[in-house]
Protein backbone atom coordinates (compact mmCIF):
# COMPACT_ATOMS: atom_id res chain seq x y z
CA MET A 1 -6.09 16.35 -8.78
CA SER A 2 -2.42 16.10 -9.75
CA PHE A 3 -2.15 12.33 -10.00
CA ARG A 4 -1.47 9.92 -12.81
CA PHE A 5 -0.42 6.29 -12.97
CA SER A 6 1.21 5.01 -16.14
CA LEU A 7 1.96 1.36 -16.75
CA ASN A 8 5.29 0.58 -18.34
CA ILE A 9 6.05 -3.15 -18.68
CA GLN A 10 3.81 -6.15 -17.92
CA ASP A 11 5.74 -9.35 -17.20
CA SER A 12 4.81 -12.19 -19.56
CA GLU A 13 5.17 -14.95 -16.94
CA SER A 14 3.45 -13.33 -13.95
CA SER A 15 1.35 -10.33 -12.96
CA ALA A 16 4.44 -8.28 -12.11
CA ARG A 17 4.53 -4.88 -13.79
CA THR A 18 6.42 -1.61 -13.69
CA GLY A 19 4.92 1.84 -13.81
CA ILE A 20 5.18 5.49 -12.83
CA LEU A 21 3.19 7.34 -10.18
CA ASP A 22 3.10 10.99 -11.22
CA LEU A 23 2.51 12.94 -8.00
CA PRO A 24 2.71 16.61 -6.94
CA HIS A 25 6.19 16.17 -5.45
CA GLY A 26 7.71 14.16 -8.28
CA LYS A 27 7.54 10.83 -10.04
CA VAL A 28 7.74 7.49 -8.22
CA GLU A 29 8.77 4.32 -10.05
CA THR A 30 6.80 1.20 -9.17
CA PRO A 31 6.91 -1.39 -7.71
CA VAL A 32 8.00 0.73 -4.76
CA PHE A 33 8.72 0.21 -1.07
CA MET A 34 7.78 3.17 1.13
CA PRO A 35 9.59 3.66 4.47
CA VAL A 36 7.28 4.26 7.41
CA GLY A 37 7.57 7.62 9.18
CA THR A 38 4.82 7.18 11.78
CA LEU A 39 5.43 10.33 13.80
CA GLY A 40 6.80 12.51 11.02
CA THR A 41 10.21 10.85 10.83
CA VAL A 42 11.57 7.57 9.56
CA LYS A 43 13.18 6.42 12.79
CA ALA A 44 16.92 7.14 13.07
CA MET A 45 17.05 8.74 9.61
CA SER A 46 17.27 12.32 8.37
CA PRO A 47 15.43 13.39 5.20
CA LYS A 48 18.79 13.87 3.47
CA GLU A 49 19.84 10.29 4.25
CA LEU A 50 16.58 8.96 2.83
CA LYS A 51 17.14 10.97 -0.35
CA ASP A 52 20.75 9.78 -0.57
CA ILE A 53 19.49 6.18 -0.57
CA GLY A 54 17.02 7.10 -3.31
CA PHE A 55 13.55 7.14 -1.73
CA ASP A 56 10.93 9.35 -3.42
CA ILE A 57 8.00 8.64 -1.08
CA ILE A 58 7.56 8.00 2.66
CA LEU A 59 4.59 7.43 4.98
CA GLY A 60 3.05 9.42 7.81
CA ASN A 61 0.42 8.22 10.29
CA THR A 62 -2.84 10.13 10.67
CA TYR A 63 -3.72 8.75 14.11
CA HIS A 64 -0.37 9.59 15.71
CA LEU A 65 0.11 12.97 14.01
CA TYR A 66 -3.43 14.02 14.93
CA LEU A 67 -2.71 13.33 18.61
CA ARG A 68 0.80 14.81 18.54
CA PRO A 69 1.65 17.50 17.49
CA GLY A 70 -1.80 18.06 15.92
CA ASP A 71 -2.92 18.38 12.31
CA GLU A 72 -3.71 22.11 12.56
CA LEU A 73 -0.19 22.92 13.75
CA ILE A 74 1.18 20.86 10.85
CA ARG A 75 -1.11 22.68 8.39
CA ASN A 76 0.12 26.03 9.70
CA ALA A 77 3.74 24.88 9.31
CA GLY A 78 3.28 24.34 5.58
CA ASN A 79 1.66 20.89 5.88
CA LEU A 80 3.63 17.72 6.51
CA HIS A 81 6.14 18.46 3.76
CA GLY A 82 7.12 21.77 5.32
CA PHE A 83 6.92 20.56 8.90
CA VAL A 84 9.31 17.63 8.41
CA ASN A 85 11.34 19.26 5.60
CA TRP A 86 10.60 16.55 3.02
CA ASP A 87 10.13 17.90 -0.50
CA ARG A 88 9.30 14.55 -2.08
CA ASN A 89 6.06 12.57 -1.85
CA ILE A 90 4.18 11.48 1.28
CA LEU A 91 1.35 9.01 1.84
CA THR A 92 -0.75 9.14 5.00
CA ASP A 93 -2.93 6.28 6.18
CA SER A 94 -6.25 6.97 7.88
CA GLY A 95 -5.51 5.58 11.34
CA GLY A 96 -7.92 2.65 11.09
CA PHE A 97 -5.21 0.05 11.66
CA GLN A 98 -3.82 1.89 14.70
CA VAL A 99 -7.25 2.22 16.26
CA MET A 100 -7.77 -1.52 15.77
CA SER A 101 -4.97 -2.14 18.24
CA LEU A 102 -6.85 -0.13 20.89
CA GLN A 103 -9.61 -2.73 21.21
CA GLN A 104 -10.31 -2.08 24.87
CA PHE A 105 -10.26 1.69 24.30
CA ARG A 106 -12.48 2.11 21.24
CA LYS A 107 -16.06 1.72 20.05
CA ILE A 108 -17.07 1.34 16.41
CA SER A 109 -20.43 2.62 15.14
CA GLU A 110 -21.93 3.86 11.89
CA GLU A 111 -20.76 7.35 12.83
CA GLY A 112 -17.12 6.31 13.07
CA ILE A 113 -14.60 5.15 15.66
CA GLN A 114 -14.68 6.60 19.16
CA PHE A 115 -11.44 5.94 20.98
CA GLN A 116 -9.32 6.90 23.95
CA SER A 117 -5.89 8.31 23.32
CA HIS A 118 -3.10 5.93 24.28
CA ILE A 119 -1.23 9.02 25.51
CA ASP A 120 -3.57 10.65 28.02
CA GLY A 121 -6.86 8.74 27.87
CA SER A 122 -8.77 11.62 26.27
CA TYR A 123 -11.75 10.75 24.06
CA HIS A 124 -11.83 11.35 20.30
CA LEU A 125 -14.02 10.47 17.33
CA PHE A 126 -12.67 9.48 13.93
CA SER A 127 -15.57 9.81 11.50
CA PRO A 128 -14.92 9.55 7.74
CA GLU A 129 -15.49 13.30 7.45
CA CYS A 130 -13.15 14.12 10.35
CA VAL A 131 -10.38 11.91 8.97
CA MET A 132 -10.62 13.62 5.57
CA GLU A 133 -10.26 17.02 7.25
CA ILE A 134 -7.22 15.79 9.19
CA GLU A 135 -5.57 14.28 6.12
CA HIS A 136 -6.21 17.44 4.11
CA ASN A 137 -4.55 19.43 6.90
CA LEU A 138 -1.57 17.08 6.82
CA GLY A 139 -1.35 17.65 3.07
CA ALA A 140 0.13 14.34 1.91
CA ASP A 141 0.14 13.51 -1.81
CA VAL A 142 -1.74 10.21 -1.35
CA ILE A 143 -4.32 9.76 1.41
CA MET A 144 -6.43 6.81 2.52
CA VAL A 145 -10.10 6.37 3.37
CA LEU A 146 -11.15 5.49 6.90
CA ASP A 147 -11.75 1.76 7.23
CA GLU A 148 -12.12 -0.85 9.91
CA CYS A 149 -9.28 -3.32 9.87
CA ALA A 150 -11.02 -6.50 11.02
CA PRO A 151 -9.01 -8.62 13.47
CA HIS A 152 -7.88 -12.14 12.69
CA PRO A 153 -9.45 -14.51 13.29
CA CYS A 154 -12.98 -13.20 12.96
CA THR A 155 -16.25 -14.82 11.98
CA TYR A 156 -17.71 -14.56 8.50
CA GLU A 157 -20.58 -12.47 9.90
CA TYR A 158 -18.22 -10.01 11.59
CA ALA A 159 -16.05 -9.71 8.47
CA LYS A 160 -19.15 -9.10 6.31
CA GLU A 161 -20.55 -6.35 8.53
CA SER A 162 -17.10 -4.79 8.88
CA ALA A 163 -16.44 -4.74 5.12
CA GLU A 164 -19.87 -3.25 4.42
CA LEU A 165 -19.30 -0.57 7.06
CA SER A 166 -15.89 0.25 5.56
CA LEU A 167 -17.53 0.58 2.15
CA ARG A 168 -20.09 3.05 3.48
CA TRP A 169 -17.30 5.00 5.16
CA ALA A 170 -15.36 5.03 1.88
CA GLU A 171 -18.33 6.64 0.13
CA ARG A 172 -18.55 9.30 2.84
CA CYS A 173 -14.79 9.91 2.62
CA LEU A 174 -15.07 10.43 -1.12
CA ILE A 175 -17.90 12.97 -0.73
CA LYS A 176 -16.06 14.94 1.97
CA HIS A 177 -12.79 14.77 0.04
CA GLU A 178 -14.44 16.32 -3.00
CA GLN A 179 -16.07 19.00 -0.83
CA LEU A 180 -12.65 19.92 0.56
CA GLY A 181 -11.16 20.34 -2.90
CA GLY A 182 -10.05 16.82 -3.74
CA GLU A 183 -6.51 17.81 -4.76
CA GLN A 184 -4.91 14.78 -3.13
CA ALA A 185 -5.15 11.24 -4.49
CA LEU A 186 -7.62 9.36 -2.26
CA PHE A 187 -7.24 5.56 -2.33
CA GLY A 188 -9.95 3.08 -1.39
CA ILE A 189 -9.15 0.12 0.86
CA VAL A 190 -10.46 -3.40 0.19
CA GLN A 191 -11.55 -5.32 3.29
CA GLY A 192 -13.22 -8.70 3.89
CA SER A 193 -10.72 -10.63 6.02
CA VAL A 194 -9.76 -14.04 4.53
CA TYR A 195 -13.16 -14.66 2.92
CA ASP A 196 -12.89 -14.68 -0.87
CA ASP A 197 -16.49 -13.78 -1.64
CA LEU A 198 -16.43 -10.83 0.78
CA ARG A 199 -13.16 -9.56 -0.69
CA ASN A 200 -14.49 -9.95 -4.20
CA GLU A 201 -17.72 -8.10 -3.45
CA ASN A 202 -16.01 -5.32 -1.48
CA ALA A 203 -13.44 -4.76 -4.23
CA ARG A 204 -16.08 -4.61 -6.98
CA GLU A 205 -18.15 -2.09 -5.01
CA LEU A 206 -15.08 0.08 -4.39
CA VAL A 207 -14.17 -0.02 -8.08
CA GLN A 208 -17.61 1.41 -8.85
CA LEU A 209 -16.65 4.46 -6.77
CA ASP A 210 -13.72 5.04 -9.15
CA PHE A 211 -10.90 5.79 -6.73
CA PRO A 212 -7.55 6.65 -8.39
CA GLY A 213 -5.89 3.73 -6.57
CA TYR A 214 -6.77 0.78 -4.36
CA ALA A 215 -5.17 -0.63 -1.23
CA ILE A 216 -5.52 -4.18 0.01
CA GLY A 217 -5.99 -3.83 3.76
CA GLY A 218 -6.66 -6.19 6.63
CA LEU A 219 -3.72 -8.50 5.92
CA ALA A 220 -0.56 -9.02 7.99
CA VAL A 221 -2.84 -9.26 11.05
CA GLY A 222 -2.24 -12.93 11.87
CA GLU A 223 -3.50 -14.83 8.83
CA THR A 224 -1.33 -17.49 7.16
CA LYS A 225 0.94 -16.64 4.24
CA GLU A 226 -1.21 -18.93 2.11
CA ASP A 227 -4.33 -16.90 2.94
CA MET A 228 -2.52 -13.63 2.22
CA LEU A 229 -1.25 -14.76 -1.18
CA ARG A 230 -4.64 -16.19 -2.12
CA ILE A 231 -6.38 -12.90 -1.34
CA VAL A 232 -3.79 -10.89 -3.29
CA ASN A 233 -4.18 -13.28 -6.23
CA LEU A 234 -7.92 -12.67 -6.12
CA MET A 235 -7.44 -8.90 -6.03
CA ASP A 236 -5.22 -9.11 -9.10
CA SER A 237 -8.18 -10.48 -11.02
CA VAL A 238 -10.69 -7.93 -9.68
CA LEU A 239 -8.95 -4.57 -9.30
CA PRO A 240 -8.50 -2.48 -12.46
CA LYS A 241 -5.17 -3.06 -14.20
CA GLU A 242 -4.73 0.62 -15.04
CA LYS A 243 -4.74 1.74 -11.40
CA PRO A 244 -2.09 1.22 -8.69
CA ARG A 245 -2.48 -1.52 -6.07
CA TYR A 246 -1.08 -0.95 -2.59
CA LEU A 247 -0.58 -3.86 -0.17
CA MET A 248 -0.60 -2.30 3.28
CA GLY A 249 1.86 -3.30 6.01
CA ILE A 250 3.73 -6.03 4.11
CA GLY A 251 6.52 -7.18 4.54
CA THR A 252 9.57 -9.36 4.33
CA PRO A 253 11.80 -9.52 1.22
CA ILE A 254 10.05 -12.77 0.32
CA ASP A 255 6.64 -11.09 0.73
CA LEU A 256 7.71 -8.30 -1.61
CA LEU A 257 8.80 -10.69 -4.34
CA GLU A 258 5.76 -12.93 -4.06
CA ASN A 259 3.30 -10.06 -4.12
CA VAL A 260 5.01 -8.15 -6.92
CA ALA A 261 4.48 -11.37 -8.87
CA ARG A 262 0.76 -11.02 -8.05
CA GLY A 263 0.44 -7.49 -9.41
CA VAL A 264 1.12 -5.28 -6.37
CA ASP A 265 2.71 -1.87 -7.05
CA MET A 266 3.18 -0.30 -3.60
CA PHE A 267 4.34 -1.60 -0.22
CA ASP A 268 5.09 -0.27 3.25
CA CYS A 269 6.29 -1.95 6.41
CA VAL A 270 8.06 -1.05 9.66
CA MET A 271 10.16 -4.20 9.37
CA PRO A 272 13.45 -2.76 8.04
CA THR A 273 13.58 0.00 10.65
CA ARG A 274 12.17 -2.03 13.56
CA HIS A 275 14.51 -4.95 12.93
CA ALA A 276 17.41 -2.51 12.71
CA ARG A 277 16.65 -1.20 16.19
CA ASN A 278 16.75 -4.79 17.45
CA GLY A 279 20.17 -5.39 15.93
CA GLN A 280 18.90 -7.41 12.96
CA VAL A 281 19.97 -6.66 9.40
CA PHE A 282 18.83 -7.99 6.05
CA THR A 283 21.40 -9.43 3.67
CA ARG A 284 21.21 -11.35 0.43
CA ASP A 285 21.95 -14.45 2.51
CA GLY A 286 19.09 -13.88 4.94
CA ARG A 287 18.74 -12.02 8.21
CA LEU A 288 21.77 -11.50 10.40
CA THR A 289 21.47 -10.68 14.12
CA VAL A 290 24.58 -8.56 14.42
CA ARG A 291 24.18 -7.98 18.16
CA ASN A 292 24.95 -11.68 18.80
CA GLY A 293 28.22 -12.77 20.33
CA GLU A 294 29.36 -14.67 17.23
CA TYR A 295 30.12 -11.32 15.55
CA LYS A 296 32.26 -9.91 18.37
CA GLU A 297 35.45 -10.23 16.34
CA ASP A 298 33.94 -10.31 12.84
CA LEU A 299 35.67 -7.59 10.83
CA ARG A 300 33.65 -8.14 7.67
CA SER A 301 31.00 -5.66 6.54
CA LEU A 302 27.32 -6.45 7.11
CA GLN A 303 27.05 -7.49 3.44
CA TYR A 304 30.12 -7.62 1.22
CA ASP A 305 28.39 -6.43 -1.96
CA CYS A 306 26.40 -3.59 -0.35
CA GLU A 307 27.37 0.02 -1.06
CA CYS A 308 25.53 1.62 1.86
CA TYR A 309 27.39 3.95 4.24
CA ALA A 310 27.47 1.31 6.99
CA CYS A 311 28.92 -1.42 4.78
CA ARG A 312 31.49 0.86 3.15
CA ASN A 313 32.90 2.10 6.46
CA PHE A 314 32.28 -0.23 9.40
CA SER A 315 32.62 -3.86 10.46
CA ARG A 316 30.11 -6.20 12.04
CA ALA A 317 32.26 -6.19 15.18
CA TYR A 318 32.11 -2.41 15.50
CA ILE A 319 28.38 -2.19 14.84
CA ARG A 320 27.77 -5.01 17.34
CA HIS A 321 29.84 -3.11 19.90
CA LEU A 322 27.82 0.08 19.36
CA ILE A 323 24.51 -1.72 19.76
CA ASN A 324 25.56 -3.59 22.87
CA VAL A 325 26.75 -0.43 24.62
CA ASN A 326 23.58 1.42 23.53
CA GLU A 327 25.33 3.94 21.32
CA ILE A 328 22.86 5.66 18.98
CA LEU A 329 25.17 5.29 15.99
CA GLY A 330 24.72 1.50 16.08
CA VAL A 331 21.01 1.52 15.28
CA ARG A 332 21.50 4.37 12.82
CA LEU A 333 23.95 2.22 10.86
CA THR A 334 21.72 -0.87 10.88
CA THR A 335 18.77 1.30 9.78
CA ILE A 336 20.75 2.83 6.91
CA HIS A 337 21.75 -0.65 5.79
CA ASN A 338 18.26 -2.17 6.01
CA LEU A 339 16.61 0.68 4.12
CA THR A 340 19.33 0.52 1.47
CA PHE A 341 18.74 -3.23 1.18
CA TYR A 342 15.00 -2.71 0.64
CA TYR A 343 15.53 0.13 -1.83
CA THR A 344 18.06 -1.91 -3.80
CA LEU A 345 15.78 -4.96 -3.84
CA MET A 346 12.92 -2.96 -5.33
CA LYS A 347 15.22 -1.30 -7.86
CA GLU A 348 16.49 -4.71 -8.99
CA ILE A 349 12.93 -6.03 -9.19
CA ARG A 350 11.95 -3.15 -11.48
CA GLU A 351 14.99 -3.73 -13.66
CA ALA A 352 14.27 -7.46 -13.87
CA ILE A 353 10.66 -6.84 -14.93
CA ASN A 354 11.75 -4.30 -17.54
CA ASP A 355 14.39 -6.72 -18.85
CA GLY A 356 11.90 -9.58 -19.05
CA ASN A 357 13.60 -11.85 -16.53
CA PHE A 358 11.66 -11.23 -13.30
CA ILE A 359 10.84 -14.90 -12.65
CA GLU A 360 14.49 -15.87 -13.04
CA TYR A 361 15.58 -13.01 -10.77
CA LYS A 362 13.00 -14.07 -8.17
CA ARG A 363 14.22 -17.68 -8.30
CA ARG A 364 17.89 -16.71 -7.91
CA PHE A 365 17.20 -14.25 -5.11
CA LEU A 366 15.18 -16.77 -3.11
CA GLU A 367 17.80 -19.48 -3.61
CA ARG A 368 20.43 -17.24 -2.05
CA TYR A 369 18.24 -15.66 0.56
CA GLN A 370 18.66 -18.13 3.37
CA GLY A 371 16.75 -17.82 6.63
CA SER A 372 13.34 -17.77 4.97
CA GLU A 373 12.17 -19.94 7.85
CA ASN A 374 12.23 -16.73 9.93
CA ASP A 375 10.00 -14.79 7.56
C-alpha cells in the first residue's frame, strides 16, 4: 500500500496539527478540504480549474458512479483518474450515506444494504464485499468501508445495533480489501450517533483493526453543533494521533475552524459548490447572496482581497445579472470563488498552525466573519 501520514506541527494551545498525506498521486498537506465530485466532476469546474486553485485531492461517490456510468466501464477507462482526467488524488466514499437517504427504498440486513435505484427503480445489493470490488474498480487513492449512517434522531438501541453492524461490515471490508490486493488506503468509519459510550466503544474496536486512517461518520445529519463538537472532542482522545482523522460531510467555515482545533485533518462538503449554484458566496465578512436585488448596481468584486478569477475580473452586479438570467457563467464564477475561498482558508489555517498562532488566527477570522447566525 502506497500510503503514509506524517505529522508536522502540533499546536500547543489546541489539538490542531499539520501533516502530509503521501498518496500514489502526490502529497496532500493537512488539514485539507476536499471538493466533492459526486458524479465524477466537481460541479461547474474543469480539472484544470481545480488544479489552478491548488487542490490536490477530490471526492467521488461510489453509489452514484456504480449506477451511472458503472464501475466496470470506469475500470476499463483507466479507473476514475483516467476516466475524469484527474492525475491527482481521489477519495471515494462507500455509498452508505447516500443509501441512508433512500429510507423507503432500502432494507438493511447482516448481508448488506438492498436498495432500489433512484434512477430506474432497479434492485441492487451493497454488501461489504461488493462495495470493496466497486471501489477497487474505481481505483481511488483512499477508499471507505461500508457503514450504516444512522439517522438523527435515533434511539440508543438503534444506534448501538447500527454501530455494531457497521463494525462487522468494516471487518469484512478489510478482509475483502486485502484479498483484492489492498493497494488503496482503506479508512474505517466511526459510528454511534450522539451517544458518547457507543462512539468510544466503536472507535476503540476499529482501532484494533489497524486501519491506516479513520473517519468520523454519522454527523451533519441533524444533530446540534454542540453534539457534533462533543463527539469530535471525544474522538480526539480515542483515535490514534499518528493516523489521519476525516470528518465526513462537514461543513461551514466555522465548522472547519472549530474541528481543526479538535484534531481533524480532512474535510469534505458540498456546501461551497451547492451554495454557489444558489447564488451564495462566502467572504471573509460572511455569506453574501449575490443574486439579491441589493447588488444590482454594485460594481465591487465579490471580495476585495480575493485573487480568484471571478474577483479579479467581474463585479457583483455582473455576476448577479448572469445568475438571474440563468447564464451558466454566473454559477461557474460563484463556484470558482467559493472553492478558492475554502482552499485559501485551509492554507491560512495550516500556515497559522505552523507559525504557532492558530488560536489567534481563529479568533480574528471569526470576529470578521459575520453572518455566523446562518451557519
